[in-house]
Every structure is written in structure tokens, then in C-alpha cells.
């Protein structure tokens, strides 16, 4: 079985968000996939298997299976095109726990068609603002996460969260965002998800299914450029299309091999 290490949402190796991509010749049990993901020890490992009209796709963190993963999907599409398993002009259809997802190639960029997950205004549990180290300007909740707006990019970059406190929340993670002051970007964000074994995710495609509608409404724009300002960093272009969000990113393969078990 072929397995790859791909840096997603970046055009340079050792940036963006690393993902494992494993191409399965036949089905594997959940425990086996979870063990592979734990050994890969990346924020997500994607498992692909050919289906009648596309590919089945599942994503595992080192601790758990997740419902939606942007960078794992981007990395998977990148590998299918790179390995010649799909033509460059062919749309890729993935069957996932979040429904049917599609990817298209647009020059050096890959476009992902994801469901929008807009937030609703919410009340942050007591003590979480202190755990983040910043006072929120706004608090919302999407299907999976809290969304917190802070006053500036500088505040966002300096956050040093108490992950043990965040782990107590009954959600996948916490998205923290602000308007961008870095030239060329509309907004910036960070994503903290200790509940699924990732204290801080380097670049999170799925969080932008919430961030896109949030900033689109505030900035009155359908096309936005975002930067996730983790220690690795990554760039995501966002296009709003009703109840869908189109995310565009780049990817680089840094390692390829074969599983021996």
C-alpha cells in the first residue's frame, strides 16, 4: 500500500499542514486505520479507496476519526493527480462522512467544494477567555467549533492558550480570528483542537467553512484571501457560493513510501 506525506495549503515544503495519504487496494478495519494514523502522528491521515464513481475518503487524527478535513482532502486530490490516477482535467468526487465532496484542478491551485457551516452567536463558557488569554469581541458556535473574534492580528499571533482548559469544552475545537493587517489578506485565524489530539492545527480547511461566511458577511465580499498564522502558516482562498464554500489551496509532496503491514 502506497503512503505519502503531503504539505497542504502551501507552495513550499515544510510549510502548511502536513497530511498522510494512504491509498487502499481493499477495505481495512477502523482500528487498523487508526493505528496507521497514530504511527504517522500527523494532524490527519487520509485513507482513499476507489469507488464506482470516485473515491471513498476517510480522515483520522492520531486519536480519532473526524467528519471533515480540508487539508486531508486537498492532499488526497493532489496525490491522485500527481500519481496519474485521475486526469488533470477530471473532477474528483469523494464520498465522505460529510457527504459528497468534489475537487478540481485550477493551474497550481486545487479547488475544494465544501458545505458552509455558518456560526450563530453564542455565550462562551466561563473561564475560556482567560484560558485563551484574550477578551473576545464576538463569540459564535458552528456545528463543531466555537468561533471567537479578537481585536487584532497582533493579539491573535500572541495567544498562548491553556489547552487543558480548552479540552474541557464539548466541541471539536476553538477557531480564533481577526481582521488581517498583513498585506494581501482579508482575515487571519488560528485553530485549537486538543479534543481530537491536535493542540494547534497548522492550517484548517474545515474551519474556513465557518470563517468564510463570517468574514464574507462582515466585509461584504464573496472572494476572500485568508492566512492561518500558526507556526507553519498557510494560505487559503475562499469563494462563497450560497450554502457551499469553495476553498483553494496548493500542496507539495515531501515523502512517499509503502506500508509494510
Protein backbone atom coordinates (compact mmCIF):
# COMPACT_ATOMS: atom_id res chain seq x y z
CA UNK A 1 0.00 0.00 0.00
CA UNK A 2 1.36 3.36 -1.01
CA UNK A 3 1.51 6.11 1.59
CA UNK A 4 2.51 9.75 1.17
CA UNK A 5 3.37 12.74 3.35
CA UNK A 6 1.96 15.93 1.80
CA UNK A 7 2.22 19.55 2.99
CA UNK A 8 -1.13 21.15 2.17
CA UNK A 9 -2.19 24.80 1.82
CA UNK A 10 1.35 25.80 0.92
CA UNK A 11 3.52 26.02 -2.19
CA UNK A 12 6.72 25.33 -0.22
CA UNK A 13 7.81 22.13 1.53
CA UNK A 14 7.80 22.21 5.35
CA UNK A 15 5.02 24.79 5.45
CA UNK A 16 1.24 24.50 5.56
CA UNK A 17 -0.40 21.50 7.20
CA UNK A 18 1.13 18.02 6.82
CA UNK A 19 -1.21 15.13 6.00
CA UNK A 20 -0.71 11.46 5.39
CA UNK A 21 -2.42 9.96 2.34
CA UNK A 22 -2.81 6.19 2.12
CA UNK A 23 -4.25 4.53 -0.99
CA UNK A 24 -6.06 1.31 -0.03
CA UNK A 25 -6.38 -1.57 -2.53
CA UNK A 26 -9.17 -3.08 -0.39
CA UNK A 27 -11.14 -2.14 2.76
CA UNK A 28 -9.40 -2.01 6.14
CA UNK A 29 -10.96 -2.11 9.59
CA UNK A 30 -11.24 1.12 11.56
CA UNK A 31 -8.72 0.04 14.21
CA UNK A 32 -6.05 -0.56 11.57
CA UNK A 33 -6.55 2.88 10.03
CA UNK A 34 -6.46 4.47 13.48
CA UNK A 35 -3.18 2.69 14.24
CA UNK A 36 -1.63 3.91 10.98
CA UNK A 37 -2.76 7.47 11.74
CA UNK A 38 -1.25 7.22 15.23
CA UNK A 39 2.06 5.99 13.79
CA UNK A 40 2.08 8.74 11.15
CA UNK A 41 1.45 11.20 14.02
CA UNK A 42 0.27 13.96 11.69
CA UNK A 43 -2.77 16.13 12.35
CA UNK A 44 -4.68 13.95 9.85
CA UNK A 45 -4.10 10.86 7.75
CA UNK A 46 -6.47 10.32 4.82
CA UNK A 47 -7.46 6.87 3.54
CA UNK A 48 -8.57 6.58 -0.09
CA UNK A 49 -10.19 3.68 -1.88
CA UNK A 50 -11.57 3.53 -5.40
CA UNK A 51 -15.38 3.61 -5.63
CA UNK A 52 -17.76 3.21 -8.57
CA UNK A 53 -17.98 6.95 -9.23
CA UNK A 54 -14.94 8.37 -7.48
CA UNK A 55 -13.18 7.56 -4.21
CA UNK A 56 -14.24 6.86 -0.66
CA UNK A 57 -12.32 9.12 1.73
CA UNK A 58 -11.91 8.96 5.50
CA UNK A 59 -9.75 11.07 7.81
CA UNK A 60 -8.13 10.11 11.12
CA UNK A 61 -6.18 12.19 13.61
CA UNK A 62 -3.75 10.29 15.86
CA UNK A 63 -6.67 9.90 18.29
CA UNK A 64 -9.96 9.80 16.37
CA UNK A 65 -11.82 9.78 13.08
CA UNK A 66 -13.18 13.19 12.04
CA UNK A 67 -16.19 14.20 9.94
CA UNK A 68 -14.48 16.75 7.72
CA UNK A 69 -10.86 17.63 6.93
CA UNK A 70 -9.88 20.26 4.39
CA UNK A 71 -6.15 19.73 4.20
CA UNK A 72 -6.55 15.94 4.11
CA UNK A 73 -8.92 16.30 1.16
CA UNK A 74 -6.59 18.72 -0.60
CA UNK A 75 -3.63 16.36 -0.05
CA UNK A 76 -5.66 13.39 -1.35
CA UNK A 77 -6.66 15.18 -4.55
CA UNK A 78 -3.06 16.32 -5.04
CA UNK A 79 -1.81 12.72 -4.81
CA UNK A 80 -4.45 11.36 -7.21
CA UNK A 81 -3.44 13.89 -9.86
CA UNK A 82 0.28 13.57 -9.15
CA UNK A 83 0.22 9.77 -9.42
CA UNK A 84 -1.77 9.86 -12.67
CA UNK A 85 -4.78 8.11 -11.13
CA UNK A 86 -7.02 10.96 -12.32
CA UNK A 87 -6.65 13.15 -15.41
CA UNK A 88 -5.70 16.79 -14.83
CA UNK A 89 -8.96 17.97 -16.39
CA UNK A 90 -11.10 15.50 -14.42
CA UNK A 91 -13.17 16.48 -11.39
CA UNK A 92 -12.57 14.22 -8.38
CA UNK A 93 -15.57 13.01 -6.38
CA UNK A 94 -15.04 11.95 -2.77
CA UNK A 95 -17.65 10.07 -0.71
CA UNK A 96 -17.21 11.05 2.94
CA UNK A 97 -18.95 11.30 6.32
CA UNK A 98 -19.81 14.88 5.32
CA UNK A 99 -21.44 13.83 2.07
CA UNK A 100 -20.12 14.14 -1.46
CA UNK A 101 -17.12 16.49 -1.83
CA UNK A 102 -15.57 17.44 -5.16
CA UNK A 103 -12.19 18.81 -6.18
CA UNK A 104 -11.00 20.47 -9.39
CA UNK A 105 -7.55 21.49 -10.57
CA UNK A 106 -7.06 25.17 -11.41
CA UNK A 107 -3.46 25.63 -12.55
CA UNK A 108 -1.24 25.32 -9.46
CA UNK A 109 -4.27 25.53 -7.18
CA UNK A 110 -6.77 22.87 -6.14
CA UNK A 111 -10.39 23.85 -5.50
CA UNK A 112 -12.47 22.10 -2.84
CA UNK A 113 -16.29 22.29 -2.78
CA UNK A 114 -17.36 22.03 0.88
CA UNK A 115 -20.59 22.65 2.82
CA UNK A 116 -20.78 26.04 4.55
CA UNK A 117 -21.02 25.81 8.36
CA UNK A 118 -22.01 29.35 9.45
CA UNK A 119 -21.98 30.21 13.14
CA UNK A 120 -24.69 31.51 15.44
CA UNK A 121 -23.94 33.95 18.24
CA UNK A 122 -23.20 32.11 21.48
CA UNK A 123 -22.02 32.57 25.05
CA UNK A 124 -18.50 31.36 25.81
CA UNK A 125 -18.27 29.11 28.88
CA UNK A 126 -16.82 30.72 31.98
CA UNK A 127 -13.02 30.78 32.14
CA UNK A 128 -12.35 30.08 28.46
CA UNK A 129 -11.46 33.70 27.61
CA UNK A 130 -8.86 33.56 30.37
CA UNK A 131 -7.62 30.22 29.03
CA UNK A 132 -7.10 31.84 25.63
CA UNK A 133 -5.53 34.96 27.10
CA UNK A 134 -7.67 37.45 25.18
CA UNK A 135 -11.03 39.17 25.53
CA UNK A 136 -13.42 38.21 22.71
CA UNK A 137 -15.09 40.85 20.56
CA UNK A 138 -17.58 38.22 19.38
CA UNK A 139 -18.39 34.59 20.19
CA UNK A 140 -20.22 32.21 17.88
CA UNK A 141 -20.76 28.47 17.60
CA UNK A 142 -20.81 26.40 14.41
CA UNK A 143 -21.70 22.72 14.11
CA UNK A 144 -18.37 21.61 15.56
CA UNK A 145 -16.49 24.56 17.00
CA UNK A 146 -16.55 27.83 18.87
CA UNK A 147 -15.66 30.89 16.80
CA UNK A 148 -14.02 33.78 18.66
CA UNK A 149 -13.10 37.14 17.17
CA UNK A 150 -10.32 39.12 18.85
CA UNK A 151 -9.31 42.74 18.41
CA UNK A 152 -6.23 42.42 16.19
CA UNK A 153 -3.86 40.18 14.29
CA UNK A 154 -1.17 41.05 16.84
CA UNK A 155 -3.36 39.74 19.69
CA UNK A 156 -4.12 36.59 17.71
CA UNK A 157 -0.47 35.84 16.98
CA UNK A 158 0.49 36.23 20.66
CA UNK A 159 -2.10 33.81 22.05
CA UNK A 160 -0.67 31.06 24.26
CA UNK A 161 -3.76 29.02 25.22
CA UNK A 162 -4.25 26.73 28.18
CA UNK A 163 -5.01 23.56 26.21
CA UNK A 164 -6.17 21.64 29.29
CA UNK A 165 -8.98 24.17 29.79
CA UNK A 166 -9.94 24.11 26.11
CA UNK A 167 -10.04 20.31 26.27
CA UNK A 168 -12.94 20.61 28.74
CA UNK A 169 -15.20 22.16 26.07
CA UNK A 170 -17.85 19.89 24.46
CA UNK A 171 -16.72 20.83 20.93
CA UNK A 172 -14.12 19.73 18.38
CA UNK A 173 -12.11 22.93 18.73
CA UNK A 174 -11.89 26.71 19.01
CA UNK A 175 -11.38 28.98 15.99
CA UNK A 176 -9.88 32.36 16.87
CA UNK A 177 -9.83 35.06 14.19
CA UNK A 178 -9.32 38.76 13.46
CA UNK A 179 -9.14 41.11 10.52
CA UNK A 180 -5.75 40.95 8.83
CA UNK A 181 -3.17 43.69 8.98
CA UNK A 182 -0.70 41.68 6.89
CA UNK A 183 -0.93 42.97 3.33
CA UNK A 184 -2.74 40.75 0.84
CA UNK A 185 -5.07 39.04 3.32
CA UNK A 186 -8.64 39.75 4.40
CA UNK A 187 -8.57 37.84 7.68
CA UNK A 188 -6.32 35.64 9.78
CA UNK A 189 -7.04 32.78 12.16
CA UNK A 190 -5.71 30.05 14.44
CA UNK A 191 -7.38 26.77 15.39
CA UNK A 192 -7.02 24.87 18.67
CA UNK A 193 -8.36 21.29 18.87
CA UNK A 194 -6.88 19.29 21.78
CA UNK A 195 -10.08 17.18 21.91
CA UNK A 196 -9.00 15.40 18.71
CA UNK A 197 -5.32 15.25 19.62
CA UNK A 198 -4.18 18.43 17.83
CA UNK A 199 -3.40 21.28 20.23
CA UNK A 200 -2.95 23.73 17.37
CA UNK A 201 -3.69 22.74 13.79
CA UNK A 202 -1.27 24.38 11.32
CA UNK A 203 -3.88 25.10 8.60
CA UNK A 204 -7.53 24.04 8.83
CA UNK A 205 -9.68 23.88 5.72
CA UNK A 206 -12.88 22.94 7.59
CA UNK A 207 -12.66 25.97 9.90
CA UNK A 208 -12.85 28.19 6.82
CA UNK A 209 -16.30 26.74 6.06
CA UNK A 210 -17.31 28.81 9.09
CA UNK A 211 -14.80 31.66 8.74
CA UNK A 212 -15.72 32.30 5.09
CA UNK A 213 -19.40 33.09 5.76
CA UNK A 214 -18.47 35.03 8.92
CA UNK A 215 -16.00 37.37 7.20
CA UNK A 216 -17.92 37.43 3.94
CA UNK A 217 -20.87 39.00 5.74
CA UNK A 218 -18.70 41.44 7.70
CA UNK A 219 -16.58 42.54 4.75
CA UNK A 220 -19.38 42.28 2.15
CA UNK A 221 -17.20 40.09 -0.08
CA UNK A 222 -17.71 36.74 -1.83
CA UNK A 223 -13.99 36.20 -2.51
CA UNK A 224 -11.51 36.38 0.34
CA UNK A 225 -7.88 35.50 0.97
CA UNK A 226 -7.05 34.05 4.38
CA UNK A 227 -3.88 33.20 6.28
CA UNK A 228 -3.77 30.78 9.19
CA UNK A 229 -0.98 32.21 11.33
CA UNK A 230 0.28 29.06 13.03
CA UNK A 231 4.00 28.35 13.43
CA UNK A 232 3.96 26.80 9.92
CA UNK A 233 1.39 29.08 8.31
CA UNK A 234 -0.75 28.56 5.23
CA UNK A 235 -2.83 30.38 2.64
CA UNK A 236 -6.44 29.62 1.69
CA UNK A 237 -8.51 31.38 -0.96
CA UNK A 238 -12.22 31.36 -0.15
CA UNK A 239 -15.20 31.77 -2.50
CA UNK A 240 -18.71 31.88 -1.05
CA UNK A 241 -21.43 30.13 -3.07
CA UNK A 242 -24.65 30.09 -1.06
CA UNK A 243 -24.67 27.06 1.22
CA UNK A 244 -21.29 25.93 -0.16
CA UNK A 245 -17.77 27.24 0.37
CA UNK A 246 -15.10 26.81 -2.30
CA UNK A 247 -11.61 26.62 -0.82
CA UNK A 248 -8.47 26.87 -2.93
CA UNK A 249 -5.02 25.75 -1.84
CA UNK A 250 -1.73 24.33 -3.04
CA UNK A 251 0.15 21.21 -1.94
CA UNK A 252 3.66 19.70 -2.02
CA UNK A 253 4.66 16.04 -1.64
CA UNK A 254 7.59 15.67 0.76
CA UNK A 255 7.73 11.87 1.23
CA UNK A 256 6.44 8.68 -0.39
CA UNK A 257 6.71 5.07 0.69
CA UNK A 258 4.98 1.74 1.21
CA UNK A 259 3.32 0.31 4.29
CA UNK A 260 4.92 -2.98 5.30
CA UNK A 261 2.00 -4.20 7.43
